[in-house]
Amino acid sequence: MLIVIHKGKRKELLSNEDMTTLALINKAKLGDVNAYKALMDSAYGGVKQSVELTEAETPIFKQLDIDIIEL
């Protein structure tokens, strides 16, 4: 926990999560793209990727009839 003094009067306790978020905000403001991405993913969730299959696989041979011969 960290105690922050606002304008010499008010004290506020910050958790480690709050301090990390503030550090990321500061880095993002300075142009760190990875920090910005981390903030956006945290706030809105990561981008989901989906794959759409339009064609199913077709077998090479429609029917394969193999006789097993024992010697």
PDB file of N, CA and C in Angstrom:
ATOM      1  N   MET A   1       0.839  -1.181   0.000  1.00  0.00           N
ATOM      2  CA  MET A   1       0.000   0.000   0.000  1.00  0.00           C
ATOM      3  C   MET A   1       0.886   1.248   0.000  1.00  0.00           C
ATOM      4  N   LEU A   2       0.391   2.257  -0.650  1.00  0.00           N
ATOM      5  CA  LEU A   2       1.101   3.516  -0.752  1.00  0.00           C
ATOM      6  C   LEU A   2       0.151   4.632  -0.347  1.00  0.00           C
ATOM      7  N   ILE A   3       0.638   5.562   0.404  1.00  0.00           N
ATOM      8  CA  ILE A   3      -0.170   6.709   0.801  1.00  0.00           C
ATOM      9  C   ILE A   3       0.194   7.883  -0.092  1.00  0.00           C
ATOM     10  N   VAL A   4      -0.810   8.471  -0.720  1.00  0.00           N
ATOM     11  CA  VAL A   4      -0.615   9.615  -1.605  1.00  0.00           C
ATOM     12  C   VAL A   4      -1.240  10.832  -0.949  1.00  0.00           C
ATOM     13  N   ILE A   5      -0.514  11.923  -0.942  1.00  0.00           N
ATOM     14  CA  ILE A   5      -1.030  13.164  -0.370  1.00  0.00           C
ATOM     15  C   ILE A   5      -1.433  14.083  -1.513  1.00  0.00           C
ATOM     16  N   HIS A   6      -2.712  14.469  -1.532  1.00  0.00           N
ATOM     17  CA  HIS A   6      -3.234  15.351  -2.570  1.00  0.00           C
ATOM     18  C   HIS A   6      -3.234  16.782  -2.055  1.00  0.00           C
ATOM     19  N   LYS A   7      -2.422  17.618  -2.640  1.00  0.00           N
ATOM     20  CA  LYS A   7      -2.349  19.046  -2.307  1.00  0.00           C
ATOM     21  C   LYS A   7      -2.179  19.289  -0.807  1.00  0.00           C
ATOM     22  N   GLY A   8      -1.427  18.401  -0.185  1.00  0.00           N
ATOM     23  CA  GLY A   8      -1.075  18.588   1.214  1.00  0.00           C
ATOM     24  C   GLY A   8      -2.179  18.316   2.214  1.00  0.00           C
ATOM     25  N   LYS A   9      -3.376  17.929   1.787  1.00  0.00           N
ATOM     26  CA  LYS A   9      -4.483  17.767   2.712  1.00  0.00           C
ATOM     27  C   LYS A   9      -5.036  16.350   2.762  1.00  0.00           C
ATOM     28  N   ARG A  10      -5.383  15.808   1.623  1.00  0.00           N
ATOM     29  CA  ARG A  10      -6.107  14.547   1.586  1.00  0.00           C
ATOM     30  C   ARG A  10      -5.159  13.374   1.389  1.00  0.00           C
ATOM     31  N   LYS A  11      -5.394  12.288   2.112  1.00  0.00           N
ATOM     32  CA  LYS A  11      -4.581  11.083   1.965  1.00  0.00           C
ATOM     33  C   LYS A  11      -5.440   9.977   1.366  1.00  0.00           C
ATOM     34  N   GLU A  12      -4.817   9.197   0.499  1.00  0.00           N
ATOM     35  CA  GLU A  12      -5.534   8.111  -0.144  1.00  0.00           C
ATOM     36  C   GLU A  12      -4.623   6.892  -0.188  1.00  0.00           C
ATOM     37  N   LEU A  13      -5.184   5.740   0.143  1.00  0.00           N
ATOM     38  CA  LEU A  13      -4.430   4.492   0.077  1.00  0.00           C
ATOM     39  C   LEU A  13      -4.597   3.883  -1.307  1.00  0.00           C
ATOM     40  N   LEU A  14      -3.503   3.536  -1.916  1.00  0.00           N
ATOM     41  CA  LEU A  14      -3.530   2.910  -3.235  1.00  0.00           C
ATOM     42  C   LEU A  14      -3.033   1.474  -3.120  1.00  0.00           C
ATOM     43  N   SER A  15      -3.740   0.572  -3.772  1.00  0.00           N
ATOM     44  CA  SER A  15      -3.301  -0.820  -3.795  1.00  0.00           C
ATOM     45  C   SER A  15      -2.176  -0.975  -4.814  1.00  0.00           C
ATOM     46  N   ASN A  16      -1.547  -2.126  -4.804  1.00  0.00           N
ATOM     47  CA  ASN A  16      -0.506  -2.400  -5.800  1.00  0.00           C
ATOM     48  C   ASN A  16      -1.095  -2.348  -7.210  1.00  0.00           C
ATOM     49  N   GLU A  17      -2.331  -2.816  -7.350  1.00  0.00           N
ATOM     50  CA  GLU A  17      -2.999  -2.770  -8.656  1.00  0.00           C
ATOM     51  C   GLU A  17      -3.197  -1.331  -9.115  1.00  0.00           C
ATOM     52  N   ASP A  18      -3.615  -0.457  -8.194  1.00  0.00           N
ATOM     53  CA  ASP A  18      -3.795   0.954  -8.536  1.00  0.00           C
ATOM     54  C   ASP A  18      -2.475   1.598  -8.959  1.00  0.00           C
ATOM     55  N   MET A  19      -1.410   1.286  -8.225  1.00  0.00           N
ATOM     56  CA  MET A  19      -0.098   1.865  -8.553  1.00  0.00           C
ATOM     57  C   MET A  19       0.387   1.385  -9.917  1.00  0.00           C
ATOM     58  N   THR A  20       0.149   0.094 -10.211  1.00  0.00           N
ATOM     59  CA  THR A  20       0.554  -0.458 -11.504  1.00  0.00           C
ATOM     60  C   THR A  20      -0.237   0.195 -12.631  1.00  0.00           C
ATOM     61  N   THR A  21      -1.539   0.383 -12.412  1.00  0.00           N
ATOM     62  CA  THR A  21      -2.374   1.035 -13.419  1.00  0.00           C
ATOM     63  C   THR A  21      -1.908   2.459 -13.675  1.00  0.00           C
ATOM     64  N   LEU A  22      -1.589   3.188 -12.622  1.00  0.00           N
ATOM     65  CA  LEU A  22      -1.091   4.561 -12.792  1.00  0.00           C
ATOM     66  C   LEU A  22       0.237   4.582 -13.536  1.00  0.00           C
ATOM     67  N   ALA A  23       1.097   3.609 -13.249  1.00  0.00           N
ATOM     68  CA  ALA A  23       2.381   3.529 -13.956  1.00  0.00           C
ATOM     69  C   ALA A  23       2.151   3.251 -15.447  1.00  0.00           C
ATOM     70  N   LEU A  24       1.189   2.357 -15.756  1.00  0.00           N
ATOM     71  CA  LEU A  24       0.882   2.064 -17.155  1.00  0.00           C
ATOM     72  C   LEU A  24       0.291   3.284 -17.863  1.00  0.00           C
ATOM     73  N   ILE A  25      -0.572   4.016 -17.169  1.00  0.00           N
ATOM     74  CA  ILE A  25      -1.144   5.232 -17.754  1.00  0.00           C
ATOM     75  C   ILE A  25      -0.036   6.231 -18.070  1.00  0.00           C
ATOM     76  N   ASN A  26       0.902   6.379 -17.155  1.00  0.00           N
ATOM     77  CA  ASN A  26       2.013   7.304 -17.369  1.00  0.00           C
ATOM     78  C   ASN A  26       2.856   6.873 -18.567  1.00  0.00           C
ATOM     79  N   LYS A  27       3.160   5.567 -18.666  1.00  0.00           N
ATOM     80  CA  LYS A  27       3.947   5.078 -19.793  1.00  0.00           C
ATOM     81  C   LYS A  27       3.193   5.265 -21.116  1.00  0.00           C
ATOM     82  N   ALA A  28       1.871   5.009 -21.088  1.00  0.00           N
ATOM     83  CA  ALA A  28       1.067   5.170 -22.300  1.00  0.00           C
ATOM     84  C   ALA A  28       1.053   6.630 -22.742  1.00  0.00           C
ATOM     85  N   LYS A  29       0.966   7.551 -21.784  1.00  0.00           N
ATOM     86  CA  LYS A  29       0.975   8.975 -22.116  1.00  0.00           C
ATOM     87  C   LYS A  29       2.302   9.393 -22.740  1.00  0.00           C
ATOM     88  N   LEU A  30       3.368   8.680 -22.398  1.00  0.00           N
ATOM     89  CA  LEU A  30       4.684   8.989 -22.954  1.00  0.00           C
ATOM     90  C   LEU A  30       4.928   8.291 -24.294  1.00  0.00           C
ATOM     91  N   GLY A  31       3.914   7.541 -24.767  1.00  0.00           N
ATOM     92  CA  GLY A  31       4.021   6.931 -26.089  1.00  0.00           C
ATOM     93  C   GLY A  31       4.326   5.448 -26.114  1.00  0.00           C
ATOM     94  N   ASP A  32       4.290   4.776 -24.972  1.00  0.00           N
ATOM     95  CA  ASP A  32       4.567   3.343 -24.940  1.00  0.00           C
ATOM     96  C   ASP A  32       3.330   2.589 -25.438  1.00  0.00           C
ATOM     97  N   VAL A  33       3.419   2.041 -26.649  1.00  0.00           N
ATOM     98  CA  VAL A  33       2.288   1.365 -27.280  1.00  0.00           C
ATOM     99  C   VAL A  33       1.891   0.114 -26.507  1.00  0.00           C
ATOM    100  N   ASN A  34       2.853  -0.632 -25.991  1.00  0.00           N
ATOM    101  CA  ASN A  34       2.542  -1.844 -25.230  1.00  0.00           C
ATOM    102  C   ASN A  34       1.771  -1.514 -23.953  1.00  0.00           C
ATOM    103  N   ALA A  35       2.108  -0.411 -23.304  1.00  0.00           N
ATOM    104  CA  ALA A  35       1.381   0.013 -22.111  1.00  0.00           C
ATOM    105  C   ALA A  35      -0.050   0.388 -22.475  1.00  0.00           C
ATOM    106  N   TYR A  36      -0.222   1.089 -23.585  1.00  0.00           N
ATOM    107  CA  TYR A  36      -1.555   1.456 -24.056  1.00  0.00           C
ATOM    108  C   TYR A  36      -2.388   0.207 -24.342  1.00  0.00           C
ATOM    109  N   LYS A  37      -1.781  -0.765 -25.031  1.00  0.00           N
ATOM    110  CA  LYS A  37      -2.481  -2.009 -25.359  1.00  0.00           C
ATOM    111  C   LYS A  37      -2.879  -2.748 -24.089  1.00  0.00           C
ATOM    112  N   ALA A  38      -1.998  -2.798 -23.106  1.00  0.00           N
ATOM    113  CA  ALA A  38      -2.304  -3.463 -21.840  1.00  0.00           C
ATOM    114  C   ALA A  38      -3.487  -2.793 -21.140  1.00  0.00           C
ATOM    115  N   LEU A  39      -3.530  -1.468 -21.164  1.00  0.00           N
ATOM    116  CA  LEU A  39      -4.647  -0.741 -20.558  1.00  0.00           C
ATOM    117  C   LEU A  39      -5.951  -1.030 -21.291  1.00  0.00           C
ATOM    118  N   MET A  40      -5.923  -1.005 -22.608  1.00  0.00           N
ATOM    119  CA  MET A  40      -7.129  -1.245 -23.389  1.00  0.00           C
ATOM    120  C   MET A  40      -7.630  -2.681 -23.220  1.00  0.00           C
ATOM    121  N   ASP A  41      -6.696  -3.644 -23.212  1.00  0.00           N
ATOM    122  CA  ASP A  41      -7.085  -5.040 -23.010  1.00  0.00           C
ATOM    123  C   ASP A  41      -7.684  -5.238 -21.625  1.00  0.00           C
ATOM    124  N   SER A  42      -7.138  -4.536 -20.643  1.00  0.00           N
ATOM    125  CA  SER A  42      -7.647  -4.642 -19.281  1.00  0.00           C
ATOM    126  C   SER A  42      -9.041  -4.032 -19.165  1.00  0.00           C
ATOM    127  N   ALA A  43      -9.259  -2.915 -19.832  1.00  0.00           N
ATOM    128  CA  ALA A  43     -10.540  -2.218 -19.726  1.00  0.00           C
ATOM    129  C   ALA A  43     -11.629  -2.867 -20.580  1.00  0.00           C
ATOM    130  N   TYR A  44     -11.288  -3.278 -21.795  1.00  0.00           N
ATOM    131  CA  TYR A  44     -12.299  -3.737 -22.742  1.00  0.00           C
ATOM    132  C   TYR A  44     -12.158  -5.198 -23.146  1.00  0.00           C
ATOM    133  N   GLY A  45     -11.128  -5.873 -22.663  1.00  0.00           N
ATOM    134  CA  GLY A  45     -10.891  -7.255 -23.056  1.00  0.00           C
ATOM    135  C   GLY A  45     -10.063  -7.319 -24.324  1.00  0.00           C
ATOM    136  N   GLY A  46      -9.368  -8.408 -24.489  1.00  0.00           N
ATOM    137  CA  GLY A  46      -8.531  -8.580 -25.664  1.00  0.00           C
ATOM    138  C   GLY A  46      -9.357  -8.804 -26.916  1.00  0.00           C
ATOM    139  N   VAL A  47      -8.741  -8.596 -28.056  1.00  0.00           N
ATOM    140  CA  VAL A  47      -9.404  -8.808 -29.332  1.00  0.00           C
ATOM    141  C   VAL A  47      -9.533 -10.306 -29.563  1.00  0.00           C
ATOM    142  N   LYS A  48     -10.749 -10.724 -29.888  1.00  0.00           N
ATOM    143  CA  LYS A  48     -10.976 -12.139 -30.163  1.00  0.00           C
ATOM    144  C   LYS A  48     -10.801 -12.384 -31.646  1.00  0.00           C
ATOM    145  N   GLN A  49     -10.090 -13.438 -31.955  1.00  0.00           N
ATOM    146  CA  GLN A  49      -9.895 -13.802 -33.352  1.00  0.00           C
ATOM    147  C   GLN A  49     -10.770 -15.011 -33.656  1.00  0.00           C
ATOM    148  N   SER A  50     -11.433 -14.961 -34.773  1.00  0.00           N
ATOM    149  CA  SER A  50     -12.267 -16.098 -35.163  1.00  0.00           C
ATOM    150  C   SER A  50     -11.882 -16.540 -36.559  1.00  0.00           C
ATOM    151  N   VAL A  51     -12.097 -17.804 -36.810  1.00  0.00           N
ATOM    152  CA  VAL A  51     -11.810 -18.382 -38.117  1.00  0.00           C
ATOM    153  C   VAL A  51     -13.112 -18.950 -38.649  1.00  0.00           C
ATOM    154  N   GLU A  52     -13.443 -18.569 -39.862  1.00  0.00           N
ATOM    155  CA  GLU A  52     -14.669 -19.068 -40.480  1.00  0.00           C
ATOM    156  C   GLU A  52     -14.307 -20.091 -41.546  1.00  0.00           C
ATOM    157  N   LEU A  53     -14.892 -21.280 -41.413  1.00  0.00           N
ATOM    158  CA  LEU A  53     -14.667 -22.331 -42.400  1.00  0.00           C
ATOM    159  C   LEU A  53     -15.838 -22.329 -43.368  1.00  0.00           C
ATOM    160  N   THR A  54     -15.533 -22.157 -44.640  1.00  0.00           N
ATOM    161  CA  THR A  54     -16.597 -22.129 -45.630  1.00  0.00           C
ATOM    162  C   THR A  54     -16.680 -23.423 -46.425  1.00  0.00           C
ATOM    163  N   GLU A  55     -15.627 -24.201 -46.454  1.00  0.00           N
ATOM    164  CA  GLU A  55     -15.609 -25.459 -47.183  1.00  0.00           C
ATOM    165  C   GLU A  55     -15.128 -26.559 -46.279  1.00  0.00           C
ATOM    166  N   ALA A  56     -15.820 -27.670 -46.317  1.00  0.00           N
ATOM    167  CA  ALA A  56     -15.378 -28.822 -45.538  1.00  0.00           C
ATOM    168  C   ALA A  56     -14.378 -29.618 -46.363  1.00  0.00           C
ATOM    169  N   GLU A  57     -13.584 -30.392 -45.694  1.00  0.00           N
ATOM    170  CA  GLU A  57     -12.630 -31.243 -46.412  1.00  0.00           C
ATOM    171  C   GLU A  57     -13.380 -32.333 -47.148  1.00  0.00           C
ATOM    172  N   THR A  58     -12.912 -32.632 -48.335  1.00  0.00           N
ATOM    173  CA  THR A  58     -13.502 -33.743 -49.085  1.00  0.00           C
ATOM    174  C   THR A  58     -12.459 -34.849 -49.161  1.00  0.00           C
ATOM    175  N   PRO A  59     -12.918 -36.075 -49.021  1.00  0.00           N
ATOM    176  CA  PRO A  59     -11.950 -37.184 -49.071  1.00  0.00           C
ATOM    177  C   PRO A  59     -11.347 -37.334 -50.465  1.00  0.00           C
ATOM    178  N   ILE A  60     -10.139 -37.814 -50.506  1.00  0.00           N
ATOM    179  CA  ILE A  60      -9.459 -38.018 -51.783  1.00  0.00           C
ATOM    180  C   ILE A  60     -10.157 -39.124 -52.570  1.00  0.00           C
ATOM    181  N   PHE A  61     -10.482 -40.202 -51.862  1.00  0.00           N
ATOM    182  CA  PHE A  61     -11.178 -41.318 -52.507  1.00  0.00           C
ATOM    183  C   PHE A  61     -12.585 -41.365 -51.925  1.00  0.00           C
ATOM    184  N   LYS A  62     -13.575 -41.454 -52.798  1.00  0.00           N
ATOM    185  CA  LYS A  62     -14.948 -41.481 -52.299  1.00  0.00           C
ATOM    186  C   LYS A  62     -15.205 -42.767 -51.524  1.00  0.00           C
ATOM    187  N   GLN A  63     -14.728 -43.873 -52.056  1.00  0.00           N
ATOM    188  CA  GLN A  63     -14.887 -45.141 -51.358  1.00  0.00           C
ATOM    189  C   GLN A  63     -13.647 -45.966 -51.622  1.00  0.00           C
ATOM    190  N   LEU A  64     -13.106 -46.522 -50.570  1.00  0.00           N
ATOM    191  CA  LEU A  64     -11.900 -47.324 -50.704  1.00  0.00           C
ATOM    192  C   LEU A  64     -12.240 -48.718 -50.227  1.00  0.00           C
ATOM    193  N   ASP A  65     -12.191 -49.689 -51.150  1.00  0.00           N
ATOM    194  CA  ASP A  65     -12.519 -51.058 -50.820  1.00  0.00           C
ATOM    195  C   ASP A  65     -11.241 -51.876 -50.882  1.00  0.00           C
ATOM    196  N   ILE A  66     -10.770 -52.269 -49.732  1.00  0.00           N
ATOM    197  CA  ILE A  66      -9.504 -53.019 -49.670  1.00  0.00           C
ATOM    198  C   ILE A  66      -9.804 -54.406 -49.146  1.00  0.00           C
ATOM    199  N   ASP A  67      -9.385 -55.417 -49.918  1.00  0.00           N
ATOM    200  CA  ASP A  67      -9.500 -56.802 -49.470  1.00  0.00           C
ATOM    201  C   ASP A  67      -8.194 -57.196 -48.812  1.00  0.00           C
ATOM    202  N   ILE A  68      -8.292 -57.785 -47.651  1.00  0.00           N
ATOM    203  CA  ILE A  68      -7.084 -58.236 -46.953  1.00  0.00           C
ATOM    204  C   ILE A  68      -6.899 -59.727 -47.271  1.00  0.00           C
ATOM    205  N   ILE A  69      -5.755 -60.013 -47.800  1.00  0.00           N
ATOM    206  CA  ILE A  69      -5.447 -61.398 -48.154  1.00  0.00           C
ATOM    207  C   ILE A  69      -4.353 -61.878 -47.226  1.00  0.00           C
ATOM    208  N   GLU A  70      -4.651 -62.965 -46.515  1.00  0.00           N
ATOM    209  CA  GLU A  70      -3.640 -63.542 -45.633  1.00  0.00           C
ATOM    210  C   GLU A  70      -2.885 -64.610 -46.386  1.00  0.00           C
ATOM    211  N   LEU A  71      -1.588 -64.645 -46.264  1.00  0.00           N
ATOM    212  CA  LEU A  71      -0.764 -65.648 -46.930  1.00  0.00           C
ATOM    213  C   LEU A  71      -0.371 -66.739 -46.001  1.00  0.00           C
TER     214      LEU A  71
END
